[in-house]
Amino acid sequence: MHKCYCDTGLQFENCCGLYLEKKQKAPTALALMRSRYSAYATHNADYLLQTTYVSERGYYSKSEILKWAAANRWQKLEILSFTENTVEFKAYFLDSNNRPQTHYEFSTFKLEENEWFYVDGKFE
């Protein structure tokens, strides 16, 4: 057992692992965002596509998601702010040249039929 990638301090199996292994659906937009970060850290492109809102999925490629996720070593997730359907965060990672990088995003989520989905994000 190991700590979850999303930095809650919980064990992966009792945190994002519940969602990535389809034992539960993320109950909030924040939980979904954390689980999507963990999906990048574990190279789970299927989960990332499945949790993207259906009208937005065509803008993403499973192979490109997997390529980007696997090329980086995910270090830390920092939640800056959140509301019911938005999450502002920074994701820290080492790129393929082992250089520290920060990905900033203000993400929007949508609840549909009791399931949260990632809609889009604004980046810096």
Protein backbone atom coordinates (compact mmCIF):
# COMPACT_ATOMS: atom_id res chain seq x y z
CA MET A 1 0.00 0.00 0.00
CA HIS A 2 1.21 3.50 -0.74
CA LYS A 3 0.03 7.07 -0.34
CA CYS A 4 -2.25 8.46 -3.01
CA TYR A 5 -0.69 10.51 -5.79
CA CYS A 6 -3.16 13.36 -5.21
CA ASP A 7 -1.55 14.35 -1.90
CA THR A 8 -4.51 13.79 0.44
CA GLY A 9 -2.28 11.69 2.68
CA LEU A 10 -4.67 8.74 2.32
CA GLN A 11 -3.70 5.34 0.96
CA PHE A 12 -4.21 5.09 -2.82
CA GLU A 13 -6.61 2.15 -2.37
CA ASN A 14 -8.82 4.28 -0.07
CA CYS A 15 -8.61 7.43 -2.17
CA CYS A 16 -8.29 7.78 -5.95
CA GLY A 17 -7.85 4.04 -6.38
CA LEU A 18 -11.56 3.64 -5.57
CA TYR A 19 -12.42 5.70 -8.65
CA LEU A 20 -9.69 4.52 -11.01
CA GLU A 21 -10.60 0.90 -10.28
CA LYS A 22 -14.31 1.73 -10.81
CA LYS A 23 -15.36 0.71 -7.29
CA GLN A 24 -17.02 4.11 -6.83
CA LYS A 25 -17.74 7.27 -8.81
CA ALA A 26 -16.05 10.47 -7.67
CA PRO A 27 -18.62 12.22 -5.43
CA THR A 28 -17.46 15.79 -6.17
CA ALA A 29 -15.68 17.76 -8.88
CA LEU A 30 -12.69 18.07 -6.53
CA ALA A 31 -12.54 14.29 -6.02
CA LEU A 32 -12.74 13.79 -9.79
CA MET A 33 -9.94 16.30 -10.38
CA ARG A 34 -7.74 14.57 -7.80
CA SER A 35 -8.46 11.19 -9.39
CA ARG A 36 -7.61 12.54 -12.84
CA TYR A 37 -4.22 13.70 -11.51
CA SER A 38 -3.70 10.18 -10.13
CA ALA A 39 -4.71 8.81 -13.53
CA TYR A 40 -1.92 10.84 -15.13
CA ALA A 41 0.52 9.57 -12.51
CA THR A 42 -0.51 5.95 -13.18
CA HIS A 43 -0.80 6.41 -16.98
CA ASN A 44 -4.51 5.53 -16.99
CA ALA A 45 -5.57 7.17 -20.27
CA ASP A 46 -8.83 5.19 -20.38
CA TYR A 47 -9.99 6.77 -17.12
CA LEU A 48 -9.02 10.23 -18.35
CA LEU A 49 -11.11 9.82 -21.50
CA GLN A 50 -14.05 8.23 -19.67
CA THR A 51 -14.19 11.11 -17.19
CA THR A 52 -14.07 13.78 -19.91
CA TYR A 53 -17.48 15.14 -20.82
CA VAL A 54 -18.79 13.32 -23.90
CA SER A 55 -18.99 16.43 -26.11
CA GLU A 56 -15.30 17.17 -25.39
CA ARG A 57 -13.81 13.70 -25.90
CA GLY A 58 -13.22 14.24 -29.61
CA TYR A 59 -10.60 16.87 -28.79
CA TYR A 60 -8.43 14.30 -27.02
CA SER A 61 -6.42 11.34 -28.23
CA LYS A 62 -5.81 8.35 -25.98
CA SER A 63 -2.34 7.86 -27.45
CA GLU A 64 -1.41 11.54 -26.90
CA ILE A 65 -2.73 11.47 -23.32
CA LEU A 66 -0.73 8.34 -22.60
CA LYS A 67 2.38 9.75 -24.26
CA TRP A 68 2.27 12.94 -22.16
CA ALA A 69 1.40 11.11 -18.92
CA ALA A 70 4.22 8.59 -19.35
CA ALA A 71 6.81 11.17 -20.44
CA ASN A 72 6.58 12.97 -17.11
CA ARG A 73 7.19 12.02 -13.48
CA TRP A 74 4.34 13.42 -11.43
CA GLN A 75 5.55 14.97 -8.18
CA LYS A 76 2.78 16.84 -6.40
CA LEU A 77 -0.73 18.25 -6.72
CA GLU A 78 -1.59 21.59 -5.14
CA ILE A 79 -5.26 22.64 -4.94
CA LEU A 80 -5.48 26.44 -5.04
CA SER A 81 -9.27 26.83 -4.87
CA PHE A 82 -12.48 25.00 -5.70
CA THR A 83 -16.23 25.45 -5.92
CA GLU A 84 -18.97 22.94 -6.61
CA ASN A 85 -18.00 22.67 -10.29
CA THR A 86 -14.53 24.26 -10.64
CA VAL A 87 -11.05 23.41 -9.42
CA GLU A 88 -7.98 25.62 -9.66
CA PHE A 89 -4.74 23.71 -9.23
CA LYS A 90 -1.05 23.34 -9.94
CA ALA A 91 0.46 19.99 -10.89
CA TYR A 92 4.20 19.65 -10.43
CA PHE A 93 6.20 17.19 -12.49
CA LEU A 94 9.60 16.43 -13.94
CA ASP A 95 9.64 16.44 -17.74
CA SER A 96 11.46 13.91 -19.93
CA ASN A 97 14.69 15.89 -19.45
CA ASN A 98 14.23 15.73 -15.65
CA ARG A 99 13.46 19.47 -15.50
CA PRO A 100 10.89 20.68 -12.95
CA GLN A 101 7.65 21.90 -14.54
CA THR A 102 4.38 23.33 -13.23
CA HIS A 103 1.04 22.90 -14.97
CA TYR A 104 -1.54 25.50 -13.84
CA GLU A 105 -5.18 24.99 -14.68
CA PHE A 106 -8.61 26.35 -13.78
CA SER A 107 -10.89 23.42 -14.64
CA THR A 108 -14.64 23.26 -15.11
CA PHE A 109 -16.68 20.14 -14.37
CA LYS A 110 -20.25 19.07 -15.04
CA LEU A 111 -22.53 16.78 -13.03
CA GLU A 112 -24.75 14.66 -15.24
CA GLU A 113 -26.88 11.75 -14.02
CA ASN A 114 -25.00 11.69 -10.70
CA GLU A 115 -21.59 11.47 -12.36
CA TRP A 116 -18.94 14.20 -12.58
CA PHE A 117 -17.09 14.91 -15.83
CA TYR A 118 -14.20 17.18 -16.79
CA VAL A 119 -15.38 19.77 -19.33
CA ASP A 120 -12.44 22.10 -19.95
CA GLY A 121 -9.64 24.10 -18.43
CA LYS A 122 -7.97 27.46 -18.69
CA PHE A 123 -4.20 27.30 -18.61
CA GLU A 124 -1.32 29.67 -17.91
